[in-house]
Amino acid sequence: MAYFVYMLRCGDGSLYTGSTNHVPHRLAMHQSGKGAKYTRSHLPVELAYQEEVPDWPSALRREAEIKRFSRTQKLLLIQKKGIYDKDAESR
């Protein structure tokens, strides 16, 4: 089974990082207001980045690593490997 680390771009321009084994389902949960407490109050959200990792412990480690990144580092990661929106940099 594949696992993923992902970042969401929230309605206020902030970035949320999480992990899951099914990105489309988790994204739908966030978008419907049934995801993480943070995203419920920062709707709407859109997928900005996802990365496949081999197992759940790896997903949790990578999520923690990305959460320690600065906003600039997160945007660079999104720009290099994610779903990039240049207009979002100014948000």
PDB file of N, CA and C in Angstrom:
ATOM      1  N   MET A   1       0.834  -1.183   0.000  1.00  0.00           N
ATOM      2  CA  MET A   1       0.000   0.000   0.000  1.00  0.00           C
ATOM      3  C   MET A   1       0.881   1.250   0.000  1.00  0.00           C
ATOM      4  N   ALA A   2       0.504   2.217  -0.801  1.00  0.00           N
ATOM      5  CA  ALA A   2       1.254   3.464  -0.890  1.00  0.00           C
ATOM      6  C   ALA A   2       0.764   4.454   0.169  1.00  0.00           C
ATOM      7  N   TYR A   3       1.664   5.307   0.606  1.00  0.00           N
ATOM      8  CA  TYR A   3       1.344   6.373   1.547  1.00  0.00           C
ATOM      9  C   TYR A   3       1.866   7.674   0.966  1.00  0.00           C
ATOM     10  N   PHE A   4       1.246   8.768   1.381  1.00  0.00           N
ATOM     11  CA  PHE A   4       1.570  10.057   0.792  1.00  0.00           C
ATOM     12  C   PHE A   4       1.673  11.134   1.860  1.00  0.00           C
ATOM     13  N   VAL A   5       2.556  12.080   1.595  1.00  0.00           N
ATOM     14  CA  VAL A   5       2.623  13.329   2.334  1.00  0.00           C
ATOM     15  C   VAL A   5       2.119  14.382   1.363  1.00  0.00           C
ATOM     16  N   TYR A   6       1.320  15.313   1.856  1.00  0.00           N
ATOM     17  CA  TYR A   6       0.737  16.307   0.959  1.00  0.00           C
ATOM     18  C   TYR A   6       0.727  17.674   1.625  1.00  0.00           C
ATOM     19  N   MET A   7       0.637  18.705   0.786  1.00  0.00           N
ATOM     20  CA  MET A   7       0.433  20.061   1.280  1.00  0.00           C
ATOM     21  C   MET A   7      -0.785  20.639   0.583  1.00  0.00           C
ATOM     22  N   LEU A   8      -1.571  21.347   1.358  1.00  0.00           N
ATOM     23  CA  LEU A   8      -2.738  22.044   0.843  1.00  0.00           C
ATOM     24  C   LEU A   8      -2.489  23.540   0.922  1.00  0.00           C
ATOM     25  N   ARG A   9      -2.949  24.249  -0.084  1.00  0.00           N
ATOM     26  CA  ARG A   9      -2.948  25.704  -0.041  1.00  0.00           C
ATOM     27  C   ARG A   9      -4.341  26.115   0.433  1.00  0.00           C
ATOM     28  N   CYS A  10      -4.390  26.823   1.541  1.00  0.00           N
ATOM     29  CA  CYS A  10      -5.665  27.223   2.133  1.00  0.00           C
ATOM     30  C   CYS A  10      -6.141  28.548   1.549  1.00  0.00           C
ATOM     31  N   GLY A  11      -7.406  28.862   1.803  1.00  0.00           N
ATOM     32  CA  GLY A  11      -8.021  30.054   1.260  1.00  0.00           C
ATOM     33  C   GLY A  11      -7.312  31.346   1.631  1.00  0.00           C
ATOM     34  N   ASP A  12      -6.652  31.376   2.775  1.00  0.00           N
ATOM     35  CA  ASP A  12      -5.927  32.573   3.199  1.00  0.00           C
ATOM     36  C   ASP A  12      -4.471  32.565   2.740  1.00  0.00           C
ATOM     37  N   GLY A  13      -4.097  31.545   1.921  1.00  0.00           N
ATOM     38  CA  GLY A  13      -2.727  31.457   1.410  1.00  0.00           C
ATOM     39  C   GLY A  13      -1.789  30.646   2.278  1.00  0.00           C
ATOM     40  N   SER A  14      -2.238  30.234   3.453  1.00  0.00           N
ATOM     41  CA  SER A  14      -1.384  29.416   4.313  1.00  0.00           C
ATOM     42  C   SER A  14      -1.274  28.004   3.733  1.00  0.00           C
ATOM     43  N   LEU A  15      -0.293  27.268   4.224  1.00  0.00           N
ATOM     44  CA  LEU A  15      -0.047  25.902   3.759  1.00  0.00           C
ATOM     45  C   LEU A  15      -0.272  24.927   4.904  1.00  0.00           C
ATOM     46  N   TYR A  16      -0.969  23.841   4.616  1.00  0.00           N
ATOM     47  CA  TYR A  16      -1.223  22.788   5.597  1.00  0.00           C
ATOM     48  C   TYR A  16      -0.541  21.523   5.102  1.00  0.00           C
ATOM     49  N   THR A  17       0.170  20.831   5.976  1.00  0.00           N
ATOM     50  CA  THR A  17       0.858  19.589   5.631  1.00  0.00           C
ATOM     51  C   THR A  17       0.230  18.424   6.374  1.00  0.00           C
ATOM     52  N   GLY A  18       0.010  17.322   5.655  1.00  0.00           N
ATOM     53  CA  GLY A  18      -0.560  16.130   6.264  1.00  0.00           C
ATOM     54  C   GLY A  18      -0.073  14.872   5.569  1.00  0.00           C
ATOM     55  N   SER A  19      -0.572  13.727   6.023  1.00  0.00           N
ATOM     56  CA  SER A  19      -0.211  12.450   5.404  1.00  0.00           C
ATOM     57  C   SER A  19      -1.446  11.559   5.359  1.00  0.00           C
ATOM     58  N   THR A  20      -1.460  10.651   4.396  1.00  0.00           N
ATOM     59  CA  THR A  20      -2.612   9.785   4.182  1.00  0.00           C
ATOM     60  C   THR A  20      -2.216   8.606   3.305  1.00  0.00           C
ATOM     61  N   ASN A  21      -3.125   7.647   3.184  1.00  0.00           N
ATOM     62  CA  ASN A  21      -2.907   6.554   2.236  1.00  0.00           C
ATOM     63  C   ASN A  21      -3.819   6.713   1.009  1.00  0.00           C
ATOM     64  N   HIS A  22      -4.638   7.796   0.987  1.00  0.00           N
ATOM     65  CA  HIS A  22      -5.547   8.020  -0.143  1.00  0.00           C
ATOM     66  C   HIS A  22      -5.786   9.525  -0.293  1.00  0.00           C
ATOM     67  N   VAL A  23      -4.989  10.167  -1.123  1.00  0.00           N
ATOM     68  CA  VAL A  23      -5.030  11.626  -1.255  1.00  0.00           C
ATOM     69  C   VAL A  23      -6.401  12.150  -1.705  1.00  0.00           C
ATOM     70  N   PRO A  24      -7.024  11.585  -2.755  1.00  0.00           N
ATOM     71  CA  PRO A  24      -8.325  12.143  -3.178  1.00  0.00           C
ATOM     72  C   PRO A  24      -9.381  12.135  -2.069  1.00  0.00           C
ATOM     73  N   HIS A  25      -9.439  11.048  -1.314  1.00  0.00           N
ATOM     74  CA  HIS A  25     -10.408  10.966  -0.215  1.00  0.00           C
ATOM     75  C   HIS A  25     -10.092  12.001   0.869  1.00  0.00           C
ATOM     76  N   ARG A  26      -8.835  12.105   1.237  1.00  0.00           N
ATOM     77  CA  ARG A  26      -8.444  13.043   2.297  1.00  0.00           C
ATOM     78  C   ARG A  26      -8.686  14.483   1.849  1.00  0.00           C
ATOM     79  N   LEU A  27      -8.389  14.792   0.586  1.00  0.00           N
ATOM     80  CA  LEU A  27      -8.636  16.128   0.056  1.00  0.00           C
ATOM     81  C   LEU A  27     -10.134  16.455   0.124  1.00  0.00           C
ATOM     82  N   ALA A  28     -10.979  15.496  -0.273  1.00  0.00           N
ATOM     83  CA  ALA A  28     -12.429  15.701  -0.214  1.00  0.00           C
ATOM     84  C   ALA A  28     -12.882  15.959   1.221  1.00  0.00           C
ATOM     85  N   MET A  29     -12.285  15.254   2.177  1.00  0.00           N
ATOM     86  CA  MET A  29     -12.621  15.475   3.589  1.00  0.00           C
ATOM     87  C   MET A  29     -12.278  16.909   3.999  1.00  0.00           C
ATOM     88  N   HIS A  30     -11.069  17.355   3.624  1.00  0.00           N
ATOM     89  CA  HIS A  30     -10.663  18.726   3.952  1.00  0.00           C
ATOM     90  C   HIS A  30     -11.609  19.735   3.293  1.00  0.00           C
ATOM     91  N   GLN A  31     -11.909  19.526   2.025  1.00  0.00           N
ATOM     92  CA  GLN A  31     -12.743  20.475   1.284  1.00  0.00           C
ATOM     93  C   GLN A  31     -14.174  20.544   1.826  1.00  0.00           C
ATOM     94  N   SER A  32     -14.654  19.457   2.392  1.00  0.00           N
ATOM     95  CA  SER A  32     -16.017  19.430   2.932  1.00  0.00           C
ATOM     96  C   SER A  32     -16.091  19.948   4.368  1.00  0.00           C
ATOM     97  N   GLY A  33     -14.942  20.324   4.925  1.00  0.00           N
ATOM     98  CA  GLY A  33     -14.925  20.816   6.298  1.00  0.00           C
ATOM     99  C   GLY A  33     -14.851  19.725   7.336  1.00  0.00           C
ATOM    100  N   LYS A  34     -14.592  18.492   6.905  1.00  0.00           N
ATOM    101  CA  LYS A  34     -14.513  17.359   7.836  1.00  0.00           C
ATOM    102  C   LYS A  34     -13.085  16.867   8.028  1.00  0.00           C
ATOM    103  N   GLY A  35     -12.120  17.655   7.570  1.00  0.00           N
ATOM    104  CA  GLY A  35     -10.711  17.282   7.715  1.00  0.00           C
ATOM    105  C   GLY A  35     -10.157  17.822   9.018  1.00  0.00           C
ATOM    106  N   ALA A  36      -8.908  18.208   8.980  1.00  0.00           N
ATOM    107  CA  ALA A  36      -8.239  18.721  10.173  1.00  0.00           C
ATOM    108  C   ALA A  36      -8.888  20.011  10.669  1.00  0.00           C
ATOM    109  N   LYS A  37      -8.802  20.230  11.949  1.00  0.00           N
ATOM    110  CA  LYS A  37      -9.378  21.425  12.564  1.00  0.00           C
ATOM    111  C   LYS A  37      -8.844  22.693  11.890  1.00  0.00           C
ATOM    112  N   TYR A  38      -7.546  22.687  11.571  1.00  0.00           N
ATOM    113  CA  TYR A  38      -6.941  23.865  10.939  1.00  0.00           C
ATOM    114  C   TYR A  38      -7.607  24.179   9.605  1.00  0.00           C
ATOM    115  N   THR A  39      -7.769  23.173   8.756  1.00  0.00           N
ATOM    116  CA  THR A  39      -8.311  23.446   7.423  1.00  0.00           C
ATOM    117  C   THR A  39      -9.792  23.815   7.480  1.00  0.00           C
ATOM    118  N   ARG A  40     -10.506  23.344   8.477  1.00  0.00           N
ATOM    119  CA  ARG A  40     -11.927  23.705   8.622  1.00  0.00           C
ATOM    120  C   ARG A  40     -12.113  25.214   8.731  1.00  0.00           C
ATOM    121  N   SER A  41     -11.159  25.874   9.340  1.00  0.00           N
ATOM    122  CA  SER A  41     -11.281  27.323   9.520  1.00  0.00           C
ATOM    123  C   SER A  41     -10.480  28.119   8.486  1.00  0.00           C
ATOM    124  N   HIS A  42      -9.936  27.427   7.479  1.00  0.00           N
ATOM    125  CA  HIS A  42      -9.150  28.099   6.441  1.00  0.00           C
ATOM    126  C   HIS A  42      -9.579  27.672   5.037  1.00  0.00           C
ATOM    127  N   LEU A  43     -10.863  27.406   4.871  1.00  0.00           N
ATOM    128  CA  LEU A  43     -11.394  26.983   3.574  1.00  0.00           C
ATOM    129  C   LEU A  43     -11.435  28.158   2.604  1.00  0.00           C
ATOM    130  N   PRO A  44     -11.416  27.913   1.299  1.00  0.00           N
ATOM    131  CA  PRO A  44     -11.293  26.605   0.650  1.00  0.00           C
ATOM    132  C   PRO A  44      -9.833  26.147   0.626  1.00  0.00           C
ATOM    133  N   VAL A  45      -9.630  24.869   0.343  1.00  0.00           N
ATOM    134  CA  VAL A  45      -8.286  24.316   0.232  1.00  0.00           C
ATOM    135  C   VAL A  45      -8.113  23.673  -1.138  1.00  0.00           C
ATOM    136  N   GLU A  46      -6.860  23.665  -1.602  1.00  0.00           N
ATOM    137  CA  GLU A  46      -6.540  22.982  -2.854  1.00  0.00           C
ATOM    138  C   GLU A  46      -5.218  22.242  -2.682  1.00  0.00           C
ATOM    139  N   LEU A  47      -5.081  21.148  -3.390  1.00  0.00           N
ATOM    140  CA  LEU A  47      -3.854  20.357  -3.315  1.00  0.00           C
ATOM    141  C   LEU A  47      -2.725  21.116  -3.989  1.00  0.00           C
ATOM    142  N   ALA A  48      -1.620  21.289  -3.267  1.00  0.00           N
ATOM    143  CA  ALA A  48      -0.462  21.992  -3.802  1.00  0.00           C
ATOM    144  C   ALA A  48       0.714  21.051  -4.035  1.00  0.00           C
ATOM    145  N   TYR A  49       0.751  19.932  -3.302  1.00  0.00           N
ATOM    146  CA  TYR A  49       1.924  19.053  -3.359  1.00  0.00           C
ATOM    147  C   TYR A  49       1.543  17.686  -2.833  1.00  0.00           C
ATOM    148  N   GLN A  50       2.094  16.654  -3.443  1.00  0.00           N
ATOM    149  CA  GLN A  50       1.996  15.312  -2.857  1.00  0.00           C
ATOM    150  C   GLN A  50       3.256  14.541  -3.198  1.00  0.00           C
ATOM    151  N   GLU A  51       3.639  13.674  -2.283  1.00  0.00           N
ATOM    152  CA  GLU A  51       4.863  12.879  -2.408  1.00  0.00           C
ATOM    153  C   GLU A  51       4.569  11.478  -1.894  1.00  0.00           C
ATOM    154  N   GLU A  52       4.872  10.492  -2.701  1.00  0.00           N
ATOM    155  CA  GLU A  52       4.660   9.106  -2.280  1.00  0.00           C
ATOM    156  C   GLU A  52       5.859   8.620  -1.475  1.00  0.00           C
ATOM    157  N   VAL A  53       5.574   7.911  -0.398  1.00  0.00           N
ATOM    158  CA  VAL A  53       6.609   7.313   0.446  1.00  0.00           C
ATOM    159  C   VAL A  53       6.275   5.833   0.641  1.00  0.00           C
ATOM    160  N   PRO A  54       7.242   5.007   1.030  1.00  0.00           N
ATOM    161  CA  PRO A  54       7.018   3.557   1.034  1.00  0.00           C
ATOM    162  C   PRO A  54       6.112   3.009   2.137  1.00  0.00           C
ATOM    163  N   ASP A  55       6.045   3.690   3.285  1.00  0.00           N
ATOM    164  CA  ASP A  55       5.268   3.133   4.390  1.00  0.00           C
ATOM    165  C   ASP A  55       4.798   4.241   5.326  1.00  0.00           C
ATOM    166  N   TRP A  56       3.920   3.883   6.255  1.00  0.00           N
ATOM    167  CA  TRP A  56       3.338   4.865   7.158  1.00  0.00           C
ATOM    168  C   TRP A  56       4.378   5.567   8.045  1.00  0.00           C
ATOM    169  N   PRO A  57       5.340   4.840   8.642  1.00  0.00           N
ATOM    170  CA  PRO A  57       6.359   5.544   9.433  1.00  0.00           C
ATOM    171  C   PRO A  57       7.135   6.572   8.604  1.00  0.00           C
ATOM    172  N   SER A  58       7.414   6.240   7.340  1.00  0.00           N
ATOM    173  CA  SER A  58       8.107   7.191   6.464  1.00  0.00           C
ATOM    174  C   SER A  58       7.247   8.420   6.206  1.00  0.00           C
ATOM    175  N   ALA A  59       5.951   8.213   6.053  1.00  0.00           N
ATOM    176  CA  ALA A  59       5.025   9.333   5.832  1.00  0.00           C
ATOM    177  C   ALA A  59       5.027  10.269   7.038  1.00  0.00           C
ATOM    178  N   LEU A  60       4.969   9.702   8.228  1.00  0.00           N
ATOM    179  CA  LEU A  60       4.957  10.526   9.435  1.00  0.00           C
ATOM    180  C   LEU A  60       6.268  11.289   9.610  1.00  0.00           C
ATOM    181  N   ARG A  61       7.386  10.630   9.309  1.00  0.00           N
ATOM    182  CA  ARG A  61       8.690  11.299   9.408  1.00  0.00           C
ATOM    183  C   ARG A  61       8.790  12.440   8.401  1.00  0.00           C
ATOM    184  N   ARG A  62       8.379  12.185   7.168  1.00  0.00           N
ATOM    185  CA  ARG A  62       8.468  13.208   6.118  1.00  0.00           C
ATOM    186  C   ARG A  62       7.513  14.369   6.422  1.00  0.00           C
ATOM    187  N   GLU A  63       6.322  14.062   6.914  1.00  0.00           N
ATOM    188  CA  GLU A  63       5.376  15.113   7.295  1.00  0.00           C
ATOM    189  C   GLU A  63       6.007  16.013   8.361  1.00  0.00           C
ATOM    190  N   ALA A  64       6.602  15.418   9.371  1.00  0.00           N
ATOM    191  CA  ALA A  64       7.237  16.198  10.438  1.00  0.00           C
ATOM    192  C   ALA A  64       8.380  17.043   9.884  1.00  0.00           C
ATOM    193  N   GLU A  65       9.143  16.469   8.955  1.00  0.00           N
ATOM    194  CA  GLU A  65      10.251  17.206   8.348  1.00  0.00           C
ATOM    195  C   GLU A  65       9.743  18.429   7.589  1.00  0.00           C
ATOM    196  N   ILE A  66       8.721  18.236   6.772  1.00  0.00           N
ATOM    197  CA  ILE A  66       8.179  19.343   5.981  1.00  0.00           C
ATOM    198  C   ILE A  66       7.555  20.403   6.893  1.00  0.00           C
ATOM    199  N   LYS A  67       6.921  19.982   7.953  1.00  0.00           N
ATOM    200  CA  LYS A  67       6.325  20.942   8.883  1.00  0.00           C
ATOM    201  C   LYS A  67       7.376  21.842   9.516  1.00  0.00           C
ATOM    202  N   ARG A  68       8.611  21.388   9.602  1.00  0.00           N
ATOM    203  CA  ARG A  68       9.694  22.212  10.148  1.00  0.00           C
ATOM    204  C   ARG A  68      10.269  23.178   9.116  1.00  0.00           C
ATOM    205  N   PHE A  69       9.923  23.004   7.838  1.00  0.00           N
ATOM    206  CA  PHE A  69      10.418  23.895   6.785  1.00  0.00           C
ATOM    207  C   PHE A  69       9.841  25.295   6.980  1.00  0.00           C
ATOM    208  N   SER A  70      10.587  26.276   6.515  1.00  0.00           N
ATOM    209  CA  SER A  70      10.048  27.635   6.453  1.00  0.00           C
ATOM    210  C   SER A  70       9.034  27.699   5.313  1.00  0.00           C
ATOM    211  N   ARG A  71       8.245  28.744   5.276  1.00  0.00           N
ATOM    212  CA  ARG A  71       7.289  28.920   4.177  1.00  0.00           C
ATOM    213  C   ARG A  71       8.022  28.953   2.840  1.00  0.00           C
ATOM    214  N   THR A  72       9.160  29.635   2.792  1.00  0.00           N
ATOM    215  CA  THR A  72       9.947  29.714   1.559  1.00  0.00           C
ATOM    216  C   THR A  72      10.391  28.332   1.111  1.00  0.00           C
ATOM    217  N   GLN A  73      10.855  27.509   2.036  1.00  0.00           N
ATOM    218  CA  GLN A  73      11.277  26.152   1.688  1.00  0.00           C
ATOM    219  C   GLN A  73      10.098  25.325   1.171  1.00  0.00           C
ATOM    220  N   LYS A  74       8.941  25.486   1.785  1.00  0.00           N
ATOM    221  CA  LYS A  74       7.748  24.765   1.333  1.00  0.00           C
ATOM    222  C   LYS A  74       7.364  25.200  -0.079  1.00  0.00           C
ATOM    223  N   LEU A  75       7.402  26.505  -0.338  1.00  0.00           N
ATOM    224  CA  LEU A  75       7.061  26.999  -1.676  1.00  0.00           C
ATOM    225  C   LEU A  75       8.052  26.507  -2.727  1.00  0.00           C
ATOM    226  N   LEU A  76       9.319  26.428  -2.359  1.00  0.00           N
ATOM    227  CA  LEU A  76      10.322  25.891  -3.286  1.00  0.00           C
ATOM    228  C   LEU A  76      10.055  24.420  -3.596  1.00  0.00           C
ATOM    229  N   LEU A  77       9.687  23.660  -2.588  1.00  0.00           N
ATOM    230  CA  LEU A  77       9.357  22.250  -2.783  1.00  0.00           C
ATOM    231  C   LEU A  77       8.151  22.123  -3.714  1.00  0.00           C
ATOM    232  N   ILE A  78       7.143  22.935  -3.484  1.00  0.00           N
ATOM    233  CA  ILE A  78       5.956  22.927  -4.342  1.00  0.00           C
ATOM    234  C   ILE A  78       6.335  23.317  -5.764  1.00  0.00           C
ATOM    235  N   GLN A  79       7.161  24.329  -5.893  1.00  0.00           N
ATOM    236  CA  GLN A  79       7.571  24.795  -7.221  1.00  0.00           C
ATOM    237  C   GLN A  79       8.345  23.714  -7.977  1.00  0.00           C
ATOM    238  N   LYS A  80       9.213  23.006  -7.272  1.00  0.00           N
ATOM    239  CA  LYS A  80      10.048  21.996  -7.918  1.00  0.00           C
ATOM    240  C   LYS A  80       9.296  20.706  -8.222  1.00  0.00           C
ATOM    241  N   LYS A  81       8.432  20.275  -7.304  1.00  0.00           N
ATOM    242  CA  LYS A  81       7.863  18.935  -7.430  1.00  0.00           C
ATOM    243  C   LYS A  81       6.354  18.872  -7.240  1.00  0.00           C
ATOM    244  N   GLY A  82       5.714  19.985  -7.018  1.00  0.00           N
ATOM    245  CA  GLY A  82       4.294  19.946  -6.692  1.00  0.00           C
ATOM    246  C   GLY A  82       3.430  20.518  -7.789  1.00  0.00           C
ATOM    247  N   ILE A  83       2.267  20.902  -7.385  1.00  0.00           N
ATOM    248  CA  ILE A  83       1.300  21.524  -8.271  1.00  0.00           C
ATOM    249  C   ILE A  83       1.485  23.012  -8.040  1.00  0.00           C
ATOM    250  N   TYR A  84       2.222  23.673  -8.929  1.00  0.00           N
ATOM    251  CA  TYR A  84       2.734  25.013  -8.683  1.00  0.00           C
ATOM    252  C   TYR A  84       1.814  26.091  -9.237  1.00  0.00           C
ATOM    253  N   ASP A  85       1.570  27.111  -8.438  1.00  0.00           N
ATOM    254  CA  ASP A  85       0.782  28.268  -8.848  1.00  0.00           C
ATOM    255  C   ASP A  85       1.592  29.507  -8.481  1.00  0.00           C
ATOM    256  N   LYS A  86       2.207  30.146  -9.479  1.00  0.00           N
ATOM    257  CA  LYS A  86       3.102  31.272  -9.194  1.00  0.00           C
ATOM    258  C   LYS A  86       2.381  32.432  -8.513  1.00  0.00           C
ATOM    259  N   ASP A  87       1.091  32.602  -8.758  1.00  0.00           N
ATOM    260  CA  ASP A  87       0.342  33.686  -8.129  1.00  0.00           C
ATOM    261  C   ASP A  87       0.187  33.466  -6.624  1.00  0.00           C
ATOM    262  N   ALA A  88       0.278  32.233  -6.197  1.00  0.00           N
ATOM    263  CA  ALA A  88       0.102  31.923  -4.772  1.00  0.00           C
ATOM    264  C   ALA A  88       1.287  32.384  -3.934  1.00  0.00           C
ATOM    265  N   GLU A  89       2.444  32.605  -4.551  1.00  0.00           N
ATOM    266  CA  GLU A  89       3.615  33.042  -3.795  1.00  0.00           C
ATOM    267  C   GLU A  89       3.377  34.363  -3.096  1.00  0.00           C
ATOM    268  N   SER A  90       2.563  35.217  -3.699  1.00  0.00           N
ATOM    269  CA  SER A  90       2.339  36.537  -3.125  1.00  0.00           C
ATOM    270  C   SER A  90       1.289  36.526  -2.024  1.00  0.00           C
ATOM    271  N   ARG A  91       0.617  35.414  -1.821  1.00  0.00           N
ATOM    272  CA  ARG A  91      -0.431  35.334  -0.779  1.00  0.00           C
ATOM    273  C   ARG A  91       0.178  35.190   0.586  1.00  0.00           C
TER     274      ARG A  91
END
